[in-house]
Amino acid sequence: MNFDYKECVEKGKIKEYSRGQELAPKELKEGEEDYMTADDSFKDEKFKL
């Protein structure tokens, strides 16, 4: 496990969340959809310079 992660847990910056495991697949799916949208926009050159 990453040292920074352990340090954050010890300092109370990261807390256990009982629904976290059931929400993770949804969050990953939404992240993938966001990435795909951004990738499509980039390929279509619809970005700000």
C-alpha atoms as a PDB file:
ATOM      1  CA  MET A   1       0.000   0.000   0.000  1.00  0.00           C
ATOM      2  CA  ASN A   2       1.197   3.508  -0.814  1.00  0.00           C
ATOM      3  CA  PHE A   3       2.829   5.428   2.060  1.00  0.00           C
ATOM      4  CA  ASP A   4       0.844   8.591   1.267  1.00  0.00           C
ATOM      5  CA  TYR A   5      -2.396   6.601   1.464  1.00  0.00           C
ATOM      6  CA  LYS A   6      -1.462   5.123   4.840  1.00  0.00           C
ATOM      7  CA  GLU A   7      -0.512   8.553   6.134  1.00  0.00           C
ATOM      8  CA  CYS A   8      -3.855  10.036   5.022  1.00  0.00           C
ATOM      9  CA  VAL A   9      -5.769   7.206   6.723  1.00  0.00           C
ATOM     10  CA  GLU A  10      -3.768   7.662   9.945  1.00  0.00           C
ATOM     11  CA  LYS A  11      -4.415  11.415   9.937  1.00  0.00           C
ATOM     12  CA  GLY A  12      -8.138  10.869   9.376  1.00  0.00           C
ATOM     13  CA  LYS A  13      -8.177  12.496   5.939  1.00  0.00           C
ATOM     14  CA  ILE A  14      -9.584   9.308   4.405  1.00  0.00           C
ATOM     15  CA  LYS A  15     -12.506   7.666   6.138  1.00  0.00           C
ATOM     16  CA  GLU A  16     -14.238   4.362   5.599  1.00  0.00           C
ATOM     17  CA  TYR A  17     -17.572   4.665   3.844  1.00  0.00           C
ATOM     18  CA  SER A  18     -19.980   1.756   4.143  1.00  0.00           C
ATOM     19  CA  ARG A  19     -21.521   2.279   0.687  1.00  0.00           C
ATOM     20  CA  GLY A  20     -18.167   2.805  -1.005  1.00  0.00           C
ATOM     21  CA  GLN A  21     -17.872  -0.693  -2.420  1.00  0.00           C
ATOM     22  CA  GLU A  22     -21.306  -0.634  -3.998  1.00  0.00           C
ATOM     23  CA  LEU A  23     -20.749   2.835  -5.488  1.00  0.00           C
ATOM     24  CA  ALA A  24     -17.313   2.101  -6.951  1.00  0.00           C
ATOM     25  CA  PRO A  25     -18.551   0.343 -10.137  1.00  0.00           C
ATOM     26  CA  LYS A  26     -20.930   3.239 -10.855  1.00  0.00           C
ATOM     27  CA  GLU A  27     -18.161   5.803 -10.363  1.00  0.00           C
ATOM     28  CA  LEU A  28     -15.799   3.851 -12.617  1.00  0.00           C
ATOM     29  CA  LYS A  29     -18.453   3.604 -15.339  1.00  0.00           C
ATOM     30  CA  GLU A  30     -19.151   7.341 -15.170  1.00  0.00           C
ATOM     31  CA  GLY A  31     -15.429   8.091 -15.265  1.00  0.00           C
ATOM     32  CA  GLU A  32     -15.019   5.924 -18.343  1.00  0.00           C
ATOM     33  CA  GLU A  33     -17.948   7.681 -20.048  1.00  0.00           C
ATOM     34  CA  ASP A  34     -16.433  11.094 -19.203  1.00  0.00           C
ATOM     35  CA  TYR A  35     -13.098   9.982 -20.628  1.00  0.00           C
ATOM     36  CA  MET A  36     -14.716   8.716 -23.830  1.00  0.00           C
ATOM     37  CA  THR A  37     -16.595  12.005 -24.264  1.00  0.00           C
ATOM     38  CA  ALA A  38     -13.406  14.010 -23.747  1.00  0.00           C
ATOM     39  CA  ASP A  39     -11.487  11.753 -26.130  1.00  0.00           C
ATOM     40  CA  ASP A  40     -14.161  12.149 -28.823  1.00  0.00           C
ATOM     41  CA  SER A  41     -14.141  15.944 -28.379  1.00  0.00           C
ATOM     42  CA  PHE A  42     -10.374  16.004 -28.707  1.00  0.00           C
ATOM     43  CA  LYS A  43     -10.449  13.863 -31.854  1.00  0.00           C
ATOM     44  CA  ASP A  44     -13.088  16.191 -33.352  1.00  0.00           C
ATOM     45  CA  GLU A  45     -10.890  19.156 -32.384  1.00  0.00           C
ATOM     46  CA  LYS A  46     -13.623  20.616 -30.184  1.00  0.00           C
ATOM     47  CA  PHE A  47     -11.347  22.040 -27.541  1.00  0.00           C
ATOM     48  CA  LYS A  48     -10.233  25.458 -26.377  1.00  0.00           C
ATOM     49  CA  LEU A  49      -6.728  26.684 -27.042  1.00  0.00           C
END
